[in-house]
Amino acid sequence: MAGLFHIHKRKRSGLYPARQWNMRLLDRVVYVAGIIGPLSTIPQIYKIFAFHNASGVSISTWAICAVLDIPWIFYAIAHKSRPLFVCYMLWLICNTIIAVGAILYSM
């Protein structure tokens, strides 16, 4: 995966890490938000699998969200954007787990 994003080329070109403090801060905030966002679905995942109950969980909504994460993953790969790649891979995993749980345990 190291060769996938070519960060070493961005470092040499002066684009990464950013020279301005506010842009470096924004880079860090994006990484944190990209990880915390998908992790916010853990209570939903826990509810479904711990209690074997997916009542009130929309299968179609979570499945559509999972499917719509895939173009973003390809976009991140094409543009060599590690934050987008990490964020949308995590979203894809979480959304898929919820959709599968909703299929398994819907009443």
PDB file of N, CA and C in Angstrom:
ATOM      1  N   MET A   1       0.831  -1.191   0.000  1.00  0.00           N
ATOM      2  CA  MET A   1       0.000   0.000   0.000  1.00  0.00           C
ATOM      3  C   MET A   1       0.874   1.252   0.000  1.00  0.00           C
ATOM      4  N   ALA A   2       2.117   1.125   0.399  1.00  0.00           N
ATOM      5  CA  ALA A   2       2.988   2.294   0.451  1.00  0.00           C
ATOM      6  C   ALA A   2       3.196   2.897  -0.931  1.00  0.00           C
ATOM      7  N   GLY A   3       3.281   2.058  -1.959  1.00  0.00           N
ATOM      8  CA  GLY A   3       3.488   2.575  -3.294  1.00  0.00           C
ATOM      9  C   GLY A   3       2.230   3.156  -3.913  1.00  0.00           C
ATOM     10  N   LEU A   4       1.094   2.889  -3.269  1.00  0.00           N
ATOM     11  CA  LEU A   4      -0.188   3.311  -3.816  1.00  0.00           C
ATOM     12  C   LEU A   4      -0.368   4.819  -3.806  1.00  0.00           C
ATOM     13  N   PHE A   5       0.125   5.491  -2.799  1.00  0.00           N
ATOM     14  CA  PHE A   5      -0.197   6.900  -2.636  1.00  0.00           C
ATOM     15  C   PHE A   5       0.955   7.851  -2.941  1.00  0.00           C
ATOM     16  N   HIS A   6       2.131   7.357  -3.126  1.00  0.00           N
ATOM     17  CA  HIS A   6       3.270   8.173  -3.545  1.00  0.00           C
ATOM     18  C   HIS A   6       3.489   9.403  -2.676  1.00  0.00           C
ATOM     19  N   ILE A   7       3.408   9.227  -1.371  1.00  0.00           N
ATOM     20  CA  ILE A   7       3.613  10.358  -0.467  1.00  0.00           C
ATOM     21  C   ILE A   7       5.039  10.891  -0.615  1.00  0.00           C
ATOM     22  N   HIS A   8       5.984  10.004  -0.890  1.00  0.00           N
ATOM     23  CA  HIS A   8       7.357  10.465  -1.047  1.00  0.00           C
ATOM     24  C   HIS A   8       7.482  11.472  -2.187  1.00  0.00           C
ATOM     25  N   LYS A   9       6.684  11.346  -3.224  1.00  0.00           N
ATOM     26  CA  LYS A   9       6.709  12.327  -4.315  1.00  0.00           C
ATOM     27  C   LYS A   9       6.097  13.646  -3.857  1.00  0.00           C
ATOM     28  N   ARG A  10       5.038  13.568  -3.042  1.00  0.00           N
ATOM     29  CA  ARG A  10       4.418  14.798  -2.550  1.00  0.00           C
ATOM     30  C   ARG A  10       5.359  15.527  -1.606  1.00  0.00           C
ATOM     31  N   LYS A  11       6.123  14.786  -0.815  1.00  0.00           N
ATOM     32  CA  LYS A  11       7.068  15.409   0.104  1.00  0.00           C
ATOM     33  C   LYS A  11       8.124  16.190  -0.674  1.00  0.00           C
ATOM     34  N   ARG A  12       8.623  15.593  -1.767  1.00  0.00           N
ATOM     35  CA  ARG A  12       9.656  16.263  -2.550  1.00  0.00           C
ATOM     36  C   ARG A  12       9.125  17.486  -3.289  1.00  0.00           C
ATOM     37  N   SER A  13       7.848  17.461  -3.652  1.00  0.00           N
ATOM     38  CA  SER A  13       7.299  18.582  -4.398  1.00  0.00           C
ATOM     39  C   SER A  13       6.887  19.745  -3.498  1.00  0.00           C
ATOM     40  N   GLY A  14       6.902  19.535  -2.192  1.00  0.00           N
ATOM     41  CA  GLY A  14       6.556  20.612  -1.267  1.00  0.00           C
ATOM     42  C   GLY A  14       5.083  20.684  -0.929  1.00  0.00           C
ATOM     43  N   LEU A  15       4.272  19.712  -1.390  1.00  0.00           N
ATOM     44  CA  LEU A  15       2.841  19.733  -1.114  1.00  0.00           C
ATOM     45  C   LEU A  15       2.501  19.083   0.219  1.00  0.00           C
ATOM     46  N   TYR A  16       3.366  18.185   0.692  1.00  0.00           N
ATOM     47  CA  TYR A  16       3.068  17.450   1.909  1.00  0.00           C
ATOM     48  C   TYR A  16       4.356  17.253   2.682  1.00  0.00           C
ATOM     49  N   PRO A  17       4.414  17.506   3.916  1.00  0.00           N
ATOM     50  CA  PRO A  17       3.402  18.210   4.692  1.00  0.00           C
ATOM     51  C   PRO A  17       3.328  19.678   4.293  1.00  0.00           C
ATOM     52  N   ALA A  18       2.194  20.261   4.545  1.00  0.00           N
ATOM     53  CA  ALA A  18       1.974  21.656   4.161  1.00  0.00           C
ATOM     54  C   ALA A  18       2.944  22.570   4.910  1.00  0.00           C
ATOM     55  N   ARG A  19       3.285  23.658   4.322  1.00  0.00           N
ATOM     56  CA  ARG A  19       4.215  24.610   4.939  1.00  0.00           C
ATOM     57  C   ARG A  19       3.523  25.516   5.947  1.00  0.00           C
ATOM     58  N   GLN A  20       2.258  25.797   5.720  1.00  0.00           N
ATOM     59  CA  GLN A  20       1.529  26.694   6.616  1.00  0.00           C
ATOM     60  C   GLN A  20       0.966  25.900   7.785  1.00  0.00           C
ATOM     61  N   TRP A  21       1.009  26.479   8.965  1.00  0.00           N
ATOM     62  CA  TRP A  21       0.557  25.787  10.169  1.00  0.00           C
ATOM     63  C   TRP A  21      -0.923  25.441  10.113  1.00  0.00           C
ATOM     64  N   ASN A  22      -1.731  26.346   9.534  1.00  0.00           N
ATOM     65  CA  ASN A  22      -3.171  26.083   9.491  1.00  0.00           C
ATOM     66  C   ASN A  22      -3.511  24.924   8.544  1.00  0.00           C
ATOM     67  N   MET A  23      -2.752  24.755   7.485  1.00  0.00           N
ATOM     68  CA  MET A  23      -2.973  23.640   6.568  1.00  0.00           C
ATOM     69  C   MET A  23      -2.515  22.326   7.198  1.00  0.00           C
ATOM     70  N   ARG A  24      -1.431  22.357   7.960  1.00  0.00           N
ATOM     71  CA  ARG A  24      -0.991  21.161   8.680  1.00  0.00           C
ATOM     72  C   ARG A  24      -2.036  20.748   9.714  1.00  0.00           C
ATOM     73  N   LEU A  25      -2.603  21.746  10.382  1.00  0.00           N
ATOM     74  CA  LEU A  25      -3.657  21.479  11.354  1.00  0.00           C
ATOM     75  C   LEU A  25      -4.876  20.862  10.659  1.00  0.00           C
ATOM     76  N   LEU A  26      -5.248  21.415   9.525  1.00  0.00           N
ATOM     77  CA  LEU A  26      -6.375  20.883   8.766  1.00  0.00           C
ATOM     78  C   LEU A  26      -6.111  19.441   8.333  1.00  0.00           C
ATOM     79  N   ASP A  27      -4.878  19.139   7.920  1.00  0.00           N
ATOM     80  CA  ASP A  27      -4.519  17.769   7.559  1.00  0.00           C
ATOM     81  C   ASP A  27      -4.762  16.820   8.730  1.00  0.00           C
ATOM     82  N   ARG A  28      -4.373  17.230   9.919  1.00  0.00           N
ATOM     83  CA  ARG A  28      -4.562  16.387  11.104  1.00  0.00           C
ATOM     84  C   ARG A  28      -6.038  16.241  11.462  1.00  0.00           C
ATOM     85  N   VAL A  29      -6.779  17.329  11.361  1.00  0.00           N
ATOM     86  CA  VAL A  29      -8.217  17.293  11.687  1.00  0.00           C
ATOM     87  C   VAL A  29      -8.947  16.350  10.737  1.00  0.00           C
ATOM     88  N   VAL A  30      -8.578  16.363   9.467  1.00  0.00           N
ATOM     89  CA  VAL A  30      -9.223  15.492   8.489  1.00  0.00           C
ATOM     90  C   VAL A  30      -8.969  14.025   8.822  1.00  0.00           C
ATOM     91  N   TYR A  31      -7.749  13.697   9.214  1.00  0.00           N
ATOM     92  CA  TYR A  31      -7.465  12.318   9.603  1.00  0.00           C
ATOM     93  C   TYR A  31      -8.300  11.904  10.808  1.00  0.00           C
ATOM     94  N   VAL A  32      -8.375  12.760  11.808  1.00  0.00           N
ATOM     95  CA  VAL A  32      -9.149  12.444  13.013  1.00  0.00           C
ATOM     96  C   VAL A  32     -10.631  12.297  12.676  1.00  0.00           C
ATOM     97  N   ALA A  33     -11.177  13.225  11.905  1.00  0.00           N
ATOM     98  CA  ALA A  33     -12.592  13.156  11.527  1.00  0.00           C
ATOM     99  C   ALA A  33     -12.873  11.919  10.675  1.00  0.00           C
ATOM    100  N   GLY A  34     -11.938  11.566   9.818  1.00  0.00           N
ATOM    101  CA  GLY A  34     -12.106  10.397   8.960  1.00  0.00           C
ATOM    102  C   GLY A  34     -12.119   9.091   9.722  1.00  0.00           C
ATOM    103  N   ILE A  35     -11.577   9.083  10.914  1.00  0.00           N
ATOM    104  CA  ILE A  35     -11.578   7.885  11.747  1.00  0.00           C
ATOM    105  C   ILE A  35     -12.740   7.910  12.738  1.00  0.00           C
ATOM    106  N   ILE A  36     -12.991   9.051  13.356  1.00  0.00           N
ATOM    107  CA  ILE A  36     -14.054   9.151  14.354  1.00  0.00           C
ATOM    108  C   ILE A  36     -15.436   8.995  13.719  1.00  0.00           C
ATOM    109  N   GLY A  37     -15.636   9.536  12.536  1.00  0.00           N
ATOM    110  CA  GLY A  37     -16.942   9.437  11.871  1.00  0.00           C
ATOM    111  C   GLY A  37     -17.435   8.008  11.746  1.00  0.00           C
ATOM    112  N   PRO A  38     -16.667   7.128  11.094  1.00  0.00           N
ATOM    113  CA  PRO A  38     -17.123   5.741  10.987  1.00  0.00           C
ATOM    114  C   PRO A  38     -17.232   5.038  12.342  1.00  0.00           C
ATOM    115  N   LEU A  39     -16.365   5.384  13.274  1.00  0.00           N
ATOM    116  CA  LEU A  39     -16.431   4.755  14.598  1.00  0.00           C
ATOM    117  C   LEU A  39     -17.707   5.140  15.343  1.00  0.00           C
ATOM    118  N   SER A  40     -18.356   6.202  14.910  1.00  0.00           N
ATOM    119  CA  SER A  40     -19.606   6.605  15.560  1.00  0.00           C
ATOM    120  C   SER A  40     -20.738   5.604  15.290  1.00  0.00           C
ATOM    121  N   THR A  41     -20.533   4.695  14.356  1.00  0.00           N
ATOM    122  CA  THR A  41     -21.546   3.674  14.078  1.00  0.00           C
ATOM    123  C   THR A  41     -21.406   2.455  14.988  1.00  0.00           C
ATOM    124  N   ILE A  42     -20.385   2.414  15.821  1.00  0.00           N
ATOM    125  CA  ILE A  42     -20.169   1.251  16.691  1.00  0.00           C
ATOM    126  C   ILE A  42     -21.360   0.991  17.618  1.00  0.00           C
ATOM    127  N   PRO A  43     -21.995   2.005  18.220  1.00  0.00           N
ATOM    128  CA  PRO A  43     -23.171   1.691  19.040  1.00  0.00           C
ATOM    129  C   PRO A  43     -24.286   1.001  18.245  1.00  0.00           C
ATOM    130  N   GLN A  44     -24.474   1.387  16.999  1.00  0.00           N
ATOM    131  CA  GLN A  44     -25.478   0.740  16.151  1.00  0.00           C
ATOM    132  C   GLN A  44     -25.092  -0.711  15.883  1.00  0.00           C
ATOM    133  N   ILE A  45     -23.823  -0.929  15.571  1.00  0.00           N
ATOM    134  CA  ILE A  45     -23.328  -2.289  15.322  1.00  0.00           C
ATOM    135  C   ILE A  45     -23.492  -3.138  16.580  1.00  0.00           C
ATOM    136  N   TYR A  46     -23.132  -2.579  17.717  1.00  0.00           N
ATOM    137  CA  TYR A  46     -23.254  -3.299  18.987  1.00  0.00           C
ATOM    138  C   TYR A  46     -24.711  -3.684  19.259  1.00  0.00           C
ATOM    139  N   LYS A  47     -25.614  -2.736  19.067  1.00  0.00           N
ATOM    140  CA  LYS A  47     -27.043  -2.987  19.313  1.00  0.00           C
ATOM    141  C   LYS A  47     -27.553  -4.147  18.455  1.00  0.00           C
ATOM    142  N   ILE A  48     -27.169  -4.150  17.200  1.00  0.00           N
ATOM    143  CA  ILE A  48     -27.662  -5.181  16.285  1.00  0.00           C
ATOM    144  C   ILE A  48     -27.125  -6.556  16.665  1.00  0.00           C
ATOM    145  N   PHE A  49     -25.816  -6.645  16.884  1.00  0.00           N
ATOM    146  CA  PHE A  49     -25.218  -7.957  17.083  1.00  0.00           C
ATOM    147  C   PHE A  49     -25.282  -8.451  18.523  1.00  0.00           C
ATOM    148  N   ALA A  50     -25.307  -7.575  19.497  1.00  0.00           N
ATOM    149  CA  ALA A  50     -25.386  -8.011  20.895  1.00  0.00           C
ATOM    150  C   ALA A  50     -26.785  -8.493  21.244  1.00  0.00           C
ATOM    151  N   PHE A  51     -27.786  -7.801  20.716  1.00  0.00           N
ATOM    152  CA  PHE A  51     -29.165  -8.136  21.049  1.00  0.00           C
ATOM    153  C   PHE A  51     -29.886  -8.900  19.938  1.00  0.00           C
ATOM    154  N   HIS A  52     -29.196  -9.147  18.835  1.00  0.00           N
ATOM    155  CA  HIS A  52     -29.783  -9.857  17.687  1.00  0.00           C
ATOM    156  C   HIS A  52     -31.111  -9.217  17.287  1.00  0.00           C
ATOM    157  N   ASN A  53     -31.085  -7.896  17.249  1.00  0.00           N
ATOM    158  CA  ASN A  53     -32.304  -7.160  16.956  1.00  0.00           C
ATOM    159  C   ASN A  53     -31.957  -5.972  16.057  1.00  0.00           C
ATOM    160  N   ALA A  54     -32.545  -5.950  14.885  1.00  0.00           N
ATOM    161  CA  ALA A  54     -32.307  -4.848  13.955  1.00  0.00           C
ATOM    162  C   ALA A  54     -33.601  -4.109  13.646  1.00  0.00           C
ATOM    163  N   SER A  55     -34.539  -4.145  14.568  1.00  0.00           N
ATOM    164  CA  SER A  55     -35.788  -3.427  14.332  1.00  0.00           C
ATOM    165  C   SER A  55     -35.505  -1.930  14.295  1.00  0.00           C
ATOM    166  N   GLY A  56     -36.077  -1.276  13.341  1.00  0.00           N
ATOM    167  CA  GLY A  56     -35.870   0.155  13.173  1.00  0.00           C
ATOM    168  C   GLY A  56     -34.643   0.506  12.346  1.00  0.00           C
ATOM    169  N   VAL A  57     -33.896  -0.490  11.901  1.00  0.00           N
ATOM    170  CA  VAL A  57     -32.708  -0.251  11.072  1.00  0.00           C
ATOM    171  C   VAL A  57     -33.094  -0.507   9.623  1.00  0.00           C
ATOM    172  N   SER A  58     -32.863   0.470   8.785  1.00  0.00           N
ATOM    173  CA  SER A  58     -33.230   0.357   7.377  1.00  0.00           C
ATOM    174  C   SER A  58     -32.130  -0.362   6.600  1.00  0.00           C
ATOM    175  N   ILE A  59     -32.462  -1.531   6.086  1.00  0.00           N
ATOM    176  CA  ILE A  59     -31.495  -2.296   5.298  1.00  0.00           C
ATOM    177  C   ILE A  59     -31.091  -1.519   4.056  1.00  0.00           C
ATOM    178  N   SER A  60     -32.069  -0.954   3.362  1.00  0.00           N
ATOM    179  CA  SER A  60     -31.776  -0.268   2.101  1.00  0.00           C
ATOM    180  C   SER A  60     -30.897   0.957   2.325  1.00  0.00           C
ATOM    181  N   THR A  61     -31.133   1.703   3.383  1.00  0.00           N
ATOM    182  CA  THR A  61     -30.329   2.902   3.638  1.00  0.00           C
ATOM    183  C   THR A  61     -28.869   2.543   3.871  1.00  0.00           C
ATOM    184  N   TRP A  62     -28.623   1.573   4.741  1.00  0.00           N
ATOM    185  CA  TRP A  62     -27.237   1.211   5.054  1.00  0.00           C
ATOM    186  C   TRP A  62     -26.562   0.533   3.870  1.00  0.00           C
ATOM    187  N   ALA A  63     -27.301  -0.266   3.097  1.00  0.00           N
ATOM    188  CA  ALA A  63     -26.722  -0.912   1.911  1.00  0.00           C
ATOM    189  C   ALA A  63     -26.371   0.127   0.849  1.00  0.00           C
ATOM    190  N   ILE A  64     -27.245   1.096   0.649  1.00  0.00           N
ATOM    191  CA  ILE A  64     -26.964   2.158  -0.330  1.00  0.00           C
ATOM    192  C   ILE A  64     -25.754   2.970   0.115  1.00  0.00           C
ATOM    193  N   CYS A  65     -25.672   3.270   1.397  1.00  0.00           N
ATOM    194  CA  CYS A  65     -24.493   4.000   1.905  1.00  0.00           C
ATOM    195  C   CYS A  65     -23.216   3.216   1.640  1.00  0.00           C
ATOM    196  N   ALA A  66     -23.265   1.905   1.849  1.00  0.00           N
ATOM    197  CA  ALA A  66     -22.082   1.068   1.603  1.00  0.00           C
ATOM    198  C   ALA A  66     -21.707   1.079   0.124  1.00  0.00           C
ATOM    199  N   VAL A  67     -22.687   0.946  -0.737  1.00  0.00           N
ATOM    200  CA  VAL A  67     -22.414   0.941  -2.181  1.00  0.00           C
ATOM    201  C   VAL A  67     -21.857   2.294  -2.634  1.00  0.00           C
ATOM    202  N   LEU A  68     -22.377   3.379  -2.077  1.00  0.00           N
ATOM    203  CA  LEU A  68     -21.914   4.711  -2.474  1.00  0.00           C
ATOM    204  C   LEU A  68     -20.533   5.049  -1.926  1.00  0.00           C
ATOM    205  N   ASP A  69     -20.024   4.266  -0.988  1.00  0.00           N
ATOM    206  CA  ASP A  69     -18.655   4.461  -0.520  1.00  0.00           C
ATOM    207  C   ASP A  69     -17.634   3.990  -1.554  1.00  0.00           C
ATOM    208  N   ILE A  70     -18.014   3.037  -2.382  1.00  0.00           N
ATOM    209  CA  ILE A  70     -17.081   2.438  -3.344  1.00  0.00           C
ATOM    210  C   ILE A  70     -16.545   3.453  -4.353  1.00  0.00           C
ATOM    211  N   PRO A  71     -17.383   4.306  -4.981  1.00  0.00           N
ATOM    212  CA  PRO A  71     -16.806   5.305  -5.895  1.00  0.00           C
ATOM    213  C   PRO A  71     -15.823   6.247  -5.196  1.00  0.00           C
ATOM    214  N   TRP A  72     -16.091   6.575  -3.932  1.00  0.00           N
ATOM    215  CA  TRP A  72     -15.177   7.444  -3.196  1.00  0.00           C
ATOM    216  C   TRP A  72     -13.831   6.758  -2.962  1.00  0.00           C
ATOM    217  N   ILE A  73     -13.852   5.456  -2.751  1.00  0.00           N
ATOM    218  CA  ILE A  73     -12.597   4.723  -2.575  1.00  0.00           C
ATOM    219  C   ILE A  73     -11.787   4.770  -3.865  1.00  0.00           C
ATOM    220  N   PHE A  74     -12.445   4.536  -4.999  1.00  0.00           N
ATOM    221  CA  PHE A  74     -11.736   4.619  -6.280  1.00  0.00           C
ATOM    222  C   PHE A  74     -11.245   6.044  -6.557  1.00  0.00           C
ATOM    223  N   TYR A  75     -12.033   7.025  -6.166  1.00  0.00           N
ATOM    224  CA  TYR A  75     -11.617   8.426  -6.315  1.00  0.00           C
ATOM    225  C   TYR A  75     -10.365   8.694  -5.494  1.00  0.00           C
ATOM    226  N   ALA A  76     -10.345   8.211  -4.257  1.00  0.00           N
ATOM    227  CA  ALA A  76      -9.183   8.409  -3.381  1.00  0.00           C
ATOM    228  C   ALA A  76      -7.947   7.741  -3.955  1.00  0.00           C
ATOM    229  N   ILE A  77      -8.117   6.550  -4.514  1.00  0.00           N
ATOM    230  CA  ILE A  77      -6.978   5.859  -5.127  1.00  0.00           C
ATOM    231  C   ILE A  77      -6.484   6.635  -6.348  1.00  0.00           C
ATOM    232  N   ALA A  78      -7.413   7.086  -7.182  1.00  0.00           N
ATOM    233  CA  ALA A  78      -7.035   7.814  -8.393  1.00  0.00           C
ATOM    234  C   ALA A  78      -6.306   9.119  -8.082  1.00  0.00           C
ATOM    235  N   HIS A  79      -6.716   9.784  -7.009  1.00  0.00           N
ATOM    236  CA  HIS A  79      -6.117  11.066  -6.643  1.00  0.00           C
ATOM    237  C   HIS A  79      -5.048  10.930  -5.565  1.00  0.00           C
ATOM    238  N   LYS A  80      -4.748   9.676  -5.215  1.00  0.00           N
ATOM    239  CA  LYS A  80      -3.693   9.393  -4.237  1.00  0.00           C
ATOM    240  C   LYS A  80      -3.917  10.141  -2.930  1.00  0.00           C
ATOM    241  N   SER A  81      -5.146  10.104  -2.454  1.00  0.00           N
ATOM    242  CA  SER A  81      -5.516  10.798  -1.223  1.00  0.00           C
ATOM    243  C   SER A  81      -5.710   9.789  -0.091  1.00  0.00           C
ATOM    244  N   ARG A  82      -4.708   9.674   0.743  1.00  0.00           N
ATOM    245  CA  ARG A  82      -4.758   8.721   1.850  1.00  0.00           C
ATOM    246  C   ARG A  82      -5.895   9.033   2.833  1.00  0.00           C
ATOM    247  N   PRO A  83      -6.132  10.302   3.216  1.00  0.00           N
ATOM    248  CA  PRO A  83      -7.230  10.551   4.153  1.00  0.00           C
ATOM    249  C   PRO A  83      -8.587  10.091   3.617  1.00  0.00           C
ATOM    250  N   LEU A  84      -8.858  10.362   2.360  1.00  0.00           N
ATOM    251  CA  LEU A  84     -10.127   9.911   1.778  1.00  0.00           C
ATOM    252  C   LEU A  84     -10.200   8.397   1.716  1.00  0.00           C
ATOM    253  N   PHE A  85      -9.099   7.763   1.358  1.00  0.00           N
ATOM    254  CA  PHE A  85      -9.072   6.313   1.264  1.00  0.00           C
ATOM    255  C   PHE A  85      -9.361   5.679   2.620  1.00  0.00           C
ATOM    256  N   VAL A  86      -8.681   6.131   3.651  1.00  0.00           N
ATOM    257  CA  VAL A  86      -8.880   5.577   4.996  1.00  0.00           C
ATOM    258  C   VAL A  86     -10.315   5.826   5.457  1.00  0.00           C
ATOM    259  N   CYS A  87     -10.786   7.036   5.291  1.00  0.00           N
ATOM    260  CA  CYS A  87     -12.132   7.393   5.728  1.00  0.00           C
ATOM    261  C   CYS A  87     -13.192   6.526   5.058  1.00  0.00           C
ATOM    262  N   TYR A  88     -13.154   6.432   3.748  1.00  0.00           N
ATOM    263  CA  TYR A  88     -14.209   5.708   3.046  1.00  0.00           C
ATOM    264  C   TYR A  88     -14.063   4.196   3.133  1.00  0.00           C
ATOM    265  N   MET A  89     -12.866   3.686   3.383  1.00  0.00           N
ATOM    266  CA  MET A  89     -12.734   2.258   3.667  1.00  0.00           C
ATOM    267  C   MET A  89     -13.386   1.937   5.006  1.00  0.00           C
ATOM    268  N   LEU A  90     -13.152   2.795   6.005  1.00  0.00           N
ATOM    269  CA  LEU A  90     -13.793   2.585   7.301  1.00  0.00           C
ATOM    270  C   LEU A  90     -15.311   2.690   7.196  1.00  0.00           C
ATOM    271  N   TRP A  91     -15.789   3.684   6.431  1.00  0.00           N
ATOM    272  CA  TRP A  91     -17.236   3.809   6.237  1.00  0.00           C
ATOM    273  C   TRP A  91     -17.799   2.580   5.538  1.00  0.00           C
ATOM    274  N   LEU A  92     -17.098   2.085   4.526  1.00  0.00           N
ATOM    275  CA  LEU A  92     -17.568   0.903   3.803  1.00  0.00           C
ATOM    276  C   LEU A  92     -17.674  -0.296   4.743  1.00  0.00           C
ATOM    277  N   ILE A  93     -16.678  -0.496   5.569  1.00  0.00           N
ATOM    278  CA  ILE A  93     -16.695  -1.612   6.512  1.00  0.00           C
ATOM    279  C   ILE A  93     -17.864  -1.473   7.487  1.00  0.00           C
ATOM    280  N   CYS A  94     -17.996  -0.305   8.088  1.00  0.00           N
ATOM    281  CA  CYS A  94     -19.067  -0.092   9.077  1.00  0.00           C
ATOM    282  C   CYS A  94     -20.451  -0.185   8.454  1.00  0.00           C
ATOM    283  N   ASN A  95     -20.644   0.449   7.314  1.00  0.00           N
ATOM    284  CA  ASN A  95     -21.953   0.409   6.652  1.00  0.00           C
ATOM    285  C   ASN A  95     -22.325  -1.007   6.222  1.00  0.00           C
ATOM    286  N   THR A  96     -21.333  -1.766   5.748  1.00  0.00           N
ATOM    287  CA  THR A  96     -21.587  -3.140   5.331  1.00  0.00           C
ATOM    288  C   THR A  96     -21.958  -4.010   6.528  1.00  0.00           C
ATOM    289  N   ILE A  97     -21.245  -3.838   7.637  1.00  0.00           N
ATOM    290  CA  ILE A  97     -21.556  -4.616   8.842  1.00  0.00           C
ATOM    291  C   ILE A  97     -22.985  -4.338   9.301  1.00  0.00           C
ATOM    292  N   ILE A  98     -23.383  -3.085   9.294  1.00  0.00           N
ATOM    293  CA  ILE A  98     -24.744  -2.741   9.724  1.00  0.00           C
ATOM    294  C   ILE A  98     -25.779  -3.312   8.755  1.00  0.00           C
ATOM    295  N   ALA A  99     -25.533  -3.206   7.460  1.00  0.00           N
ATOM    296  CA  ALA A  99     -26.473  -3.739   6.470  1.00  0.00           C
ATOM    297  C   ALA A  99     -26.614  -5.253   6.612  1.00  0.00           C
ATOM    298  N   VAL A 100     -25.492  -5.941   6.787  1.00  0.00           N
ATOM    299  CA  VAL A 100     -25.549  -7.400   6.969  1.00  0.00           C
ATOM    300  C   VAL A 100     -26.281  -7.756   8.246  1.00  0.00           C
ATOM    301  N   GLY A 101     -25.999  -7.038   9.325  1.00  0.00           N
ATOM    302  CA  GLY A 101     -26.706  -7.267  10.584  1.00  0.00           C
ATOM    303  C   GLY A 101     -28.200  -7.024  10.446  1.00  0.00           C
ATOM    304  N   ALA A 102     -28.558  -6.000   9.713  1.00  0.00           N
ATOM    305  CA  ALA A 102     -29.980  -5.701   9.502  1.00  0.00           C
ATOM    306  C   ALA A 102     -30.655  -6.816   8.695  1.00  0.00           C
ATOM    307  N   ILE A 103     -29.928  -7.386   7.746  1.00  0.00           N
ATOM    308  CA  ILE A 103     -30.482  -8.502   6.963  1.00  0.00           C
ATOM    309  C   ILE A 103     -30.650  -9.737   7.860  1.00  0.00           C
ATOM    310  N   LEU A 104     -29.649 -10.010   8.678  1.00  0.00           N
ATOM    311  CA  LEU A 104     -29.678 -11.202   9.522  1.00  0.00           C
ATOM    312  C   LEU A 104     -30.719 -11.129  10.632  1.00  0.00           C
ATOM    313  N   TYR A 105     -30.862  -9.966  11.241  1.00  0.00           N
ATOM    314  CA  TYR A 105     -31.663  -9.869  12.454  1.00  0.00           C
ATOM    315  C   TYR A 105     -32.912  -8.989  12.340  1.00  0.00           C
ATOM    316  N   SER A 106     -33.327  -8.655  11.140  1.00  0.00           N
ATOM    317  CA  SER A 106     -34.550  -7.854  11.016  1.00  0.00           C
ATOM    318  C   SER A 106     -35.757  -8.733  11.317  1.00  0.00           C
ATOM    319  N   MET A 107     -36.737  -8.131  11.951  1.00  0.00           N
ATOM    320  CA  MET A 107     -37.912  -8.926  12.365  1.00  0.00           C
ATOM    321  C   MET A 107     -39.054  -8.730  11.420  1.00  0.00           C
TER     322      MET A 107
END
